[in-house]
Amino acid sequence: MPIIATTWNPTSELVKKVIESGSDDLLPKPLSSGHLIARIEQLVQARKPFIVTSDYIGPDRRSMDDRESEIPLLQVPNSLRVKVTGEDEGAISQVEINQAIADINLHKLERHSVQIEWLVERIVPALETNQLSEEINEHLDRLLYVAQDISRRLVGTKYEHISELCQSLTKVATDIGEDRTNPSTKDIKLLNPFSQAIASTFDPDRDDAAAARDIAGIIGR
């Protein structure tokens, strides 16, 4: 669904917030009908492809110079164009829409797995040396959120078999978060193998059997 936000007070902070929310566009009030129609026509004819990161889903607004090549762009069904141009409503089926949603969800899972590994690489050394900081606290909060979100998104996907693993990571992250100044040594040591096992699952260069063996080996250490 295309989204155009409007505001009477387009401060830089608000503009950044709206952009990061995944909105297609932001228009200042009072609205000009001509300007609004032009923006709608732009969405009809050339809606931007979507990009999925660990903390964003929505139209890609990066310039070519800023674009990270390893993050693919996704073409989403443009049902607005079908309605505006009078094309056959069946040109975009619910099946296509559902498939696009499923593809976005899988990309989200993959990006989450990368972020879990990134967060754990920073959290573990800090906890092991008792160097808790505001940044590490933020990383711990983020790790818990991502672990919970990845568990929710796994349902009904080809990665559902690692649900228990992600739930275990959530439990460990919760326990550490509740006692940050004196976390269990065992919990700290579990973060790396959990992170590596999840990353192995989403590695495109590994087949399912190899990933399963890796998970069993890592968790069994």
Protein backbone atom coordinates (compact mmCIF):
# COMPACT_ATOMS: atom_id res chain seq x y z
CA MET A 1 0.00 0.00 0.00
CA PRO A 2 1.50 3.36 -1.01
CA ILE A 3 1.63 5.89 1.84
CA ILE A 4 1.88 9.68 1.57
CA ALA A 5 2.27 11.48 4.90
CA THR A 6 1.36 15.14 5.45
CA THR A 7 2.43 17.67 8.07
CA TRP A 8 2.04 21.32 8.98
CA ASN A 9 5.50 21.40 10.55
CA PRO A 10 8.15 19.65 8.40
CA THR A 11 11.08 19.90 10.82
CA SER A 12 14.23 18.00 9.95
CA GLU A 13 13.59 15.65 12.88
CA LEU A 14 10.05 14.88 11.71
CA VAL A 15 11.11 14.44 8.08
CA LYS A 16 13.79 11.94 9.18
CA LYS A 17 11.25 10.07 11.32
CA VAL A 18 8.71 9.83 8.49
CA ILE A 19 11.35 8.69 5.99
CA GLU A 20 12.59 6.01 8.39
CA SER A 21 9.02 4.79 8.93
CA GLY A 22 8.83 3.57 5.33
CA SER A 23 6.42 6.19 3.98
CA ASP A 24 6.58 6.73 0.21
CA ASP A 25 6.39 10.51 0.44
CA LEU A 26 5.91 13.49 2.76
CA LEU A 27 3.99 16.64 1.74
CA PRO A 28 3.87 19.90 3.72
CA LYS A 29 0.51 21.58 4.37
CA PRO A 30 -1.33 23.49 3.08
CA LEU A 31 -1.59 21.07 0.19
CA SER A 32 -1.65 22.10 -3.43
CA SER A 33 -3.98 19.83 -5.42
CA GLY A 34 -1.59 19.98 -8.37
CA HIS A 35 1.36 19.00 -6.21
CA LEU A 36 -0.59 16.13 -4.63
CA ILE A 37 -1.71 14.80 -8.02
CA ALA A 38 1.86 14.99 -9.32
CA ARG A 39 3.14 12.95 -6.39
CA ILE A 40 0.39 10.36 -6.85
CA GLU A 41 1.20 10.11 -10.54
CA GLN A 42 4.83 9.53 -9.61
CA LEU A 43 3.79 6.63 -7.38
CA VAL A 44 1.62 5.25 -10.17
CA GLN A 45 4.32 5.38 -12.84
CA ALA A 46 7.58 4.88 -10.94
CA ARG A 47 7.18 3.65 -7.40
CA LYS A 48 10.60 2.98 -5.90
CA PRO A 49 11.61 -0.63 -5.24
CA PHE A 50 11.70 -1.75 -1.61
CA ILE A 51 14.77 -2.40 0.48
CA VAL A 52 14.76 -4.51 3.63
CA THR A 53 17.25 -3.99 6.45
CA SER A 54 17.15 -5.08 10.07
CA ASP A 55 15.40 -1.85 11.10
CA TYR A 56 13.65 -0.68 7.91
CA ILE A 57 11.20 -1.92 5.30
CA GLY A 58 10.12 0.45 2.57
CA PRO A 59 11.02 2.40 -0.58
CA ASP A 60 14.74 2.67 -1.30
CA ARG A 61 15.83 6.32 -1.16
CA ARG A 62 19.57 5.88 -1.38
CA SER A 63 21.63 7.29 -4.21
CA MET A 64 23.60 4.90 -6.38
CA ASP A 65 26.80 5.97 -4.56
CA ASP A 66 25.30 5.07 -1.17
CA ARG A 67 23.75 1.76 -2.18
CA GLU A 68 25.19 -1.37 -0.60
CA SER A 69 25.32 -3.93 -3.38
CA GLU A 70 24.84 -6.92 -1.06
CA ILE A 71 21.35 -5.74 -0.06
CA PRO A 72 18.98 -6.54 -2.95
CA LEU A 73 16.12 -4.34 -4.09
CA LEU A 74 12.62 -5.83 -4.26
CA GLN A 75 10.00 -4.89 -6.84
CA VAL A 76 6.63 -4.79 -5.07
CA PRO A 77 3.24 -5.14 -6.80
CA ASN A 78 1.93 -1.70 -7.81
CA SER A 79 -1.81 -2.14 -7.27
CA LEU A 80 -2.25 1.64 -7.36
CA ARG A 81 -1.19 1.72 -11.01
CA VAL A 82 -3.73 -1.00 -11.82
CA LYS A 83 -6.54 1.01 -10.23
CA VAL A 84 -5.57 4.39 -11.68
CA THR A 85 -4.90 3.23 -15.24
CA GLY A 86 -7.98 1.01 -15.39
CA GLU A 87 -5.99 -2.11 -16.09
CA ASP A 88 -7.57 -5.46 -15.38
CA GLU A 89 -7.86 -5.81 -11.58
CA GLY A 90 -6.71 -9.39 -11.99
CA ALA A 91 -3.36 -8.17 -13.30
CA ILE A 92 -2.16 -8.22 -9.68
CA SER A 93 -3.54 -11.15 -7.76
CA GLN A 94 -3.69 -11.69 -4.04
CA VAL A 95 -1.26 -14.55 -4.60
CA GLU A 96 1.32 -12.08 -5.97
CA ILE A 97 0.77 -9.74 -3.03
CA ASN A 98 1.12 -12.58 -0.55
CA GLN A 99 4.29 -13.74 -2.28
CA ALA A 100 5.77 -10.23 -2.08
CA ILE A 101 4.99 -10.09 1.64
CA ALA A 102 6.60 -13.52 2.12
CA ASP A 103 9.71 -12.43 0.17
CA ILE A 104 10.03 -9.30 2.29
CA ASN A 105 9.71 -11.38 5.45
CA LEU A 106 12.49 -13.75 4.33
CA HIS A 107 14.78 -10.81 3.55
CA LYS A 108 13.99 -9.39 6.99
CA LEU A 109 15.00 -12.69 8.60
CA GLU A 110 18.27 -12.71 6.69
CA ARG A 111 19.09 -9.13 7.70
CA HIS A 112 18.19 -9.92 11.32
CA SER A 113 20.62 -12.85 11.32
CA VAL A 114 23.41 -10.51 10.17
CA GLN A 115 22.57 -7.98 12.87
CA ILE A 116 22.46 -10.61 15.62
CA GLU A 117 26.01 -11.61 14.71
CA TRP A 118 27.11 -7.95 14.62
CA LEU A 119 25.55 -7.20 18.02
CA VAL A 120 26.95 -10.31 19.71
CA GLU A 121 30.46 -9.52 18.45
CA ARG A 122 30.27 -6.26 20.41
CA ILE A 123 28.29 -7.37 23.44
CA VAL A 124 30.33 -10.42 24.46
CA PRO A 125 33.76 -8.72 24.84
CA ALA A 126 32.16 -5.88 26.82
CA LEU A 127 30.40 -8.26 29.21
CA GLU A 128 33.47 -10.45 29.62
CA THR A 129 35.57 -7.44 30.67
CA ASN A 130 32.77 -5.83 32.69
CA GLN A 131 32.77 -2.73 30.46
CA LEU A 132 29.07 -2.03 30.40
CA SER A 133 28.28 1.28 28.69
CA GLU A 134 25.23 3.08 27.37
CA GLU A 135 26.06 1.81 23.89
CA ILE A 136 26.32 -1.81 25.08
CA ASN A 137 23.02 -1.43 26.94
CA GLU A 138 21.44 -0.26 23.69
CA HIS A 139 22.97 -3.25 21.89
CA LEU A 140 21.51 -5.60 24.53
CA ASP A 141 18.04 -4.05 24.12
CA ARG A 142 18.34 -4.33 20.35
CA LEU A 143 19.49 -7.96 20.55
CA LEU A 144 16.45 -8.89 22.62
CA TYR A 145 14.10 -7.13 20.18
CA VAL A 146 15.67 -8.77 17.11
CA ALA A 147 15.66 -12.22 18.73
CA GLN A 148 11.96 -11.85 19.55
CA ASP A 149 11.10 -10.50 16.10
CA ILE A 150 13.00 -13.21 14.27
CA SER A 151 11.13 -15.88 16.29
CA ARG A 152 7.81 -14.33 15.30
CA ARG A 153 8.74 -14.07 11.62
CA LEU A 154 9.95 -17.69 11.37
CA VAL A 155 6.42 -19.10 11.62
CA GLY A 156 5.39 -20.71 8.32
CA THR A 157 8.76 -20.18 6.62
CA LYS A 158 11.40 -22.64 5.47
CA TYR A 159 13.48 -21.58 8.47
CA GLU A 160 10.87 -22.53 11.06
CA HIS A 161 13.08 -25.40 12.25
CA ILE A 162 15.33 -22.94 14.13
CA SER A 163 12.47 -21.47 16.17
CA GLU A 164 13.64 -23.26 19.31
CA LEU A 165 17.15 -21.94 18.78
CA CYS A 166 15.89 -18.35 18.50
CA GLN A 167 13.72 -18.80 21.57
CA SER A 168 16.80 -19.96 23.46
CA LEU A 169 18.66 -16.85 22.32
CA THR A 170 15.73 -14.73 23.51
CA LYS A 171 15.86 -16.43 26.92
CA VAL A 172 19.61 -15.84 27.26
CA ALA A 173 19.33 -12.20 26.12
CA THR A 174 16.47 -11.65 28.59
CA ASP A 175 18.43 -13.16 31.48
CA ILE A 176 21.49 -11.04 30.68
CA GLY A 177 19.34 -7.94 30.31
CA GLU A 178 17.77 -8.46 33.72
CA ASP A 179 21.15 -8.66 35.46
CA ARG A 180 23.47 -6.60 33.29
CA THR A 181 25.99 -5.76 35.99
CA ASN A 182 26.48 -9.40 36.95
CA PRO A 183 25.37 -11.66 34.08
CA SER A 184 25.85 -15.41 34.17
CA THR A 185 29.16 -16.53 32.64
CA LYS A 186 27.32 -19.43 31.03
CA ASP A 187 24.83 -17.06 29.37
CA ILE A 188 27.63 -14.89 28.00
CA LYS A 189 29.37 -17.94 26.53
CA LEU A 190 26.13 -19.07 24.86
CA LEU A 191 25.72 -15.86 22.86
CA ASN A 192 28.43 -16.65 20.31
CA PRO A 193 27.33 -20.23 19.49
CA PHE A 194 23.68 -19.15 19.23
CA SER A 195 24.64 -16.29 16.92
CA GLN A 196 26.87 -18.51 14.77
CA ALA A 197 24.20 -21.19 14.49
CA ILE A 198 21.57 -18.67 13.34
CA ALA A 199 24.01 -17.12 10.84
CA SER A 200 24.81 -20.59 9.48
CA THR A 201 21.12 -21.21 8.79
CA PHE A 202 20.79 -18.09 6.64
CA ASP A 203 24.12 -18.49 4.82
CA PRO A 204 23.17 -18.79 1.10
CA ASP A 205 26.33 -20.80 0.42
CA ARG A 206 25.33 -23.58 2.85
CA ASP A 207 22.81 -26.31 2.07
CA ASP A 208 20.18 -27.29 4.64
CA ALA A 209 21.97 -30.46 5.71
CA ALA A 210 25.28 -28.67 6.22
CA ALA A 211 23.57 -25.91 8.18
CA ALA A 212 21.85 -28.46 10.40
CA ARG A 213 25.17 -30.18 11.11
CA ASP A 214 26.77 -26.82 11.88
CA ILE A 215 24.00 -25.93 14.32
CA ALA A 216 24.27 -29.28 16.08
CA GLY A 217 28.04 -28.95 16.30
CA ILE A 218 28.03 -25.37 17.55
CA ILE A 219 25.35 -25.91 20.20
CA GLY A 220 26.97 -29.17 21.28
CA ARG A 221 30.31 -27.55 22.15
